[in-house]
């Protein structure tokens, strides 16, 4: 996340995001046995 300064510049934002995704379902992507991305899902029901 530190490399994505457009979205996660402030350290407080990185900490808040890291805490939020702990309770979400997550999926990871890998290439050649190395993790290279993930997605965390949150349902928004209106």
N, C-alpha and C. Protein backbone atom coordinates (compact mmCIF):
# COMPACT_ATOMS: atom_id res chain seq x y z
N UNK A 1 0.81 -1.18 0.00
CA UNK A 1 0.00 0.00 0.00
C UNK A 1 0.86 1.26 0.00
N UNK A 2 2.05 1.14 0.52
CA UNK A 2 2.93 2.32 0.55
C UNK A 2 3.28 2.79 -0.86
N UNK A 3 3.28 1.86 -1.82
CA UNK A 3 3.59 2.22 -3.20
C UNK A 3 2.41 2.83 -3.93
N UNK A 4 1.23 2.86 -3.33
CA UNK A 4 0.03 3.42 -3.95
C UNK A 4 -0.32 4.74 -3.29
N UNK A 5 0.59 5.69 -3.38
CA UNK A 5 0.42 6.96 -2.67
C UNK A 5 -0.78 7.76 -3.14
N UNK A 6 -1.29 7.50 -4.33
CA UNK A 6 -2.48 8.20 -4.81
C UNK A 6 -3.68 7.90 -3.91
N UNK A 7 -3.74 6.66 -3.38
CA UNK A 7 -4.87 6.24 -2.57
C UNK A 7 -4.54 6.14 -1.08
N UNK A 8 -3.31 5.81 -0.77
CA UNK A 8 -2.94 5.52 0.62
C UNK A 8 -1.72 6.33 1.05
N UNK A 9 -1.83 7.64 1.00
CA UNK A 9 -0.68 8.48 1.32
C UNK A 9 -0.47 8.62 2.83
N UNK A 10 -1.54 8.87 3.56
CA UNK A 10 -1.41 9.11 5.00
C UNK A 10 -1.29 7.79 5.75
N UNK A 11 -0.36 7.68 6.69
CA UNK A 11 -0.22 6.45 7.47
C UNK A 11 -1.51 6.05 8.18
N UNK A 12 -2.31 7.04 8.60
CA UNK A 12 -3.58 6.74 9.27
C UNK A 12 -4.51 5.99 8.33
N UNK A 13 -4.50 6.35 7.05
CA UNK A 13 -5.34 5.67 6.06
C UNK A 13 -4.92 4.23 5.85
N UNK A 14 -3.63 3.99 5.84
CA UNK A 14 -3.12 2.62 5.67
C UNK A 14 -3.52 1.77 6.88
N UNK A 15 -3.39 2.31 8.07
CA UNK A 15 -3.76 1.58 9.29
C UNK A 15 -5.26 1.30 9.31
N UNK A 16 -6.07 2.29 8.97
CA UNK A 16 -7.53 2.12 8.97
C UNK A 16 -7.95 1.05 7.96
N UNK A 17 -7.35 1.07 6.79
CA UNK A 17 -7.68 0.09 5.75
C UNK A 17 -7.27 -1.31 6.19
N UNK A 18 -6.09 -1.44 6.75
CA UNK A 18 -5.61 -2.74 7.21
C UNK A 18 -6.52 -3.32 8.29
N UNK A 19 -7.02 -2.48 9.18
CA UNK A 19 -7.95 -2.95 10.22
C UNK A 19 -9.29 -3.35 9.61
N UNK A 20 -9.77 -2.58 8.64
CA UNK A 20 -11.08 -2.84 8.04
C UNK A 20 -11.13 -4.16 7.29
N UNK A 21 -10.09 -4.51 6.56
CA UNK A 21 -10.14 -5.71 5.73
C UNK A 21 -9.99 -7.01 6.54
N UNK A 22 -9.61 -6.91 7.79
CA UNK A 22 -9.45 -8.12 8.60
C UNK A 22 -10.75 -8.91 8.74
N UNK A 23 -11.88 -8.24 8.69
CA UNK A 23 -13.16 -8.93 8.87
C UNK A 23 -13.86 -9.22 7.54
N UNK A 24 -13.20 -8.95 6.42
CA UNK A 24 -13.81 -9.16 5.10
C UNK A 24 -13.29 -10.44 4.46
N UNK A 25 -14.14 -11.07 3.61
CA UNK A 25 -13.63 -12.20 2.82
C UNK A 25 -12.57 -11.67 1.86
N UNK A 26 -11.46 -12.40 1.73
CA UNK A 26 -10.37 -11.95 0.86
C UNK A 26 -9.94 -13.07 -0.07
N UNK A 27 -9.48 -12.68 -1.24
CA UNK A 27 -8.95 -13.60 -2.23
C UNK A 27 -7.61 -13.05 -2.71
N UNK A 28 -6.66 -13.93 -2.94
CA UNK A 28 -5.33 -13.50 -3.39
C UNK A 28 -5.05 -14.03 -4.79
N UNK A 29 -4.23 -13.31 -5.51
CA UNK A 29 -3.76 -13.73 -6.82
C UNK A 29 -2.27 -13.99 -6.73
N UNK A 30 -1.82 -15.03 -7.42
CA UNK A 30 -0.39 -15.31 -7.41
C UNK A 30 0.09 -15.61 -8.83
N UNK A 31 1.35 -15.39 -9.02
CA UNK A 31 2.00 -15.65 -10.29
C UNK A 31 3.35 -16.27 -9.98
N UNK A 32 3.59 -17.45 -10.51
CA UNK A 32 4.85 -18.16 -10.26
C UNK A 32 5.10 -18.37 -8.77
N UNK A 33 4.02 -18.65 -8.02
CA UNK A 33 4.16 -18.92 -6.60
C UNK A 33 4.36 -17.71 -5.73
N UNK A 34 4.21 -16.52 -6.30
CA UNK A 34 4.42 -15.29 -5.54
C UNK A 34 3.13 -14.47 -5.53
N UNK A 35 2.70 -14.05 -4.35
CA UNK A 35 1.49 -13.23 -4.26
C UNK A 35 1.72 -11.90 -4.96
N UNK A 36 0.76 -11.50 -5.79
CA UNK A 36 0.92 -10.23 -6.49
C UNK A 36 -0.33 -9.37 -6.44
N UNK A 37 -1.31 -9.76 -5.65
CA UNK A 37 -2.50 -8.94 -5.49
C UNK A 37 -3.53 -9.60 -4.62
N UNK A 38 -4.47 -8.82 -4.15
CA UNK A 38 -5.57 -9.37 -3.38
C UNK A 38 -6.78 -8.47 -3.52
N UNK A 39 -7.93 -9.02 -3.17
CA UNK A 39 -9.16 -8.24 -3.14
C UNK A 39 -9.90 -8.61 -1.86
N UNK A 40 -10.41 -7.60 -1.19
CA UNK A 40 -11.24 -7.80 0.00
C UNK A 40 -12.64 -7.32 -0.34
N UNK A 41 -13.64 -8.12 -0.01
CA UNK A 41 -15.02 -7.81 -0.41
C UNK A 41 -15.84 -7.31 0.77
N UNK A 42 -16.62 -6.29 0.51
CA UNK A 42 -17.54 -5.75 1.50
C UNK A 42 -18.88 -5.55 0.84
N UNK A 43 -19.95 -6.13 1.41
CA UNK A 43 -21.28 -5.98 0.85
C UNK A 43 -21.88 -4.65 1.28
N UNK A 44 -22.42 -3.94 0.32
CA UNK A 44 -23.10 -2.67 0.59
C UNK A 44 -24.56 -2.86 0.19
N UNK A 45 -25.40 -2.99 1.19
CA UNK A 45 -26.82 -3.23 0.94
C UNK A 45 -27.59 -1.98 1.32
N UNK A 46 -28.37 -1.51 0.37
CA UNK A 46 -29.16 -0.28 0.61
C UNK A 46 -30.61 -0.63 0.71
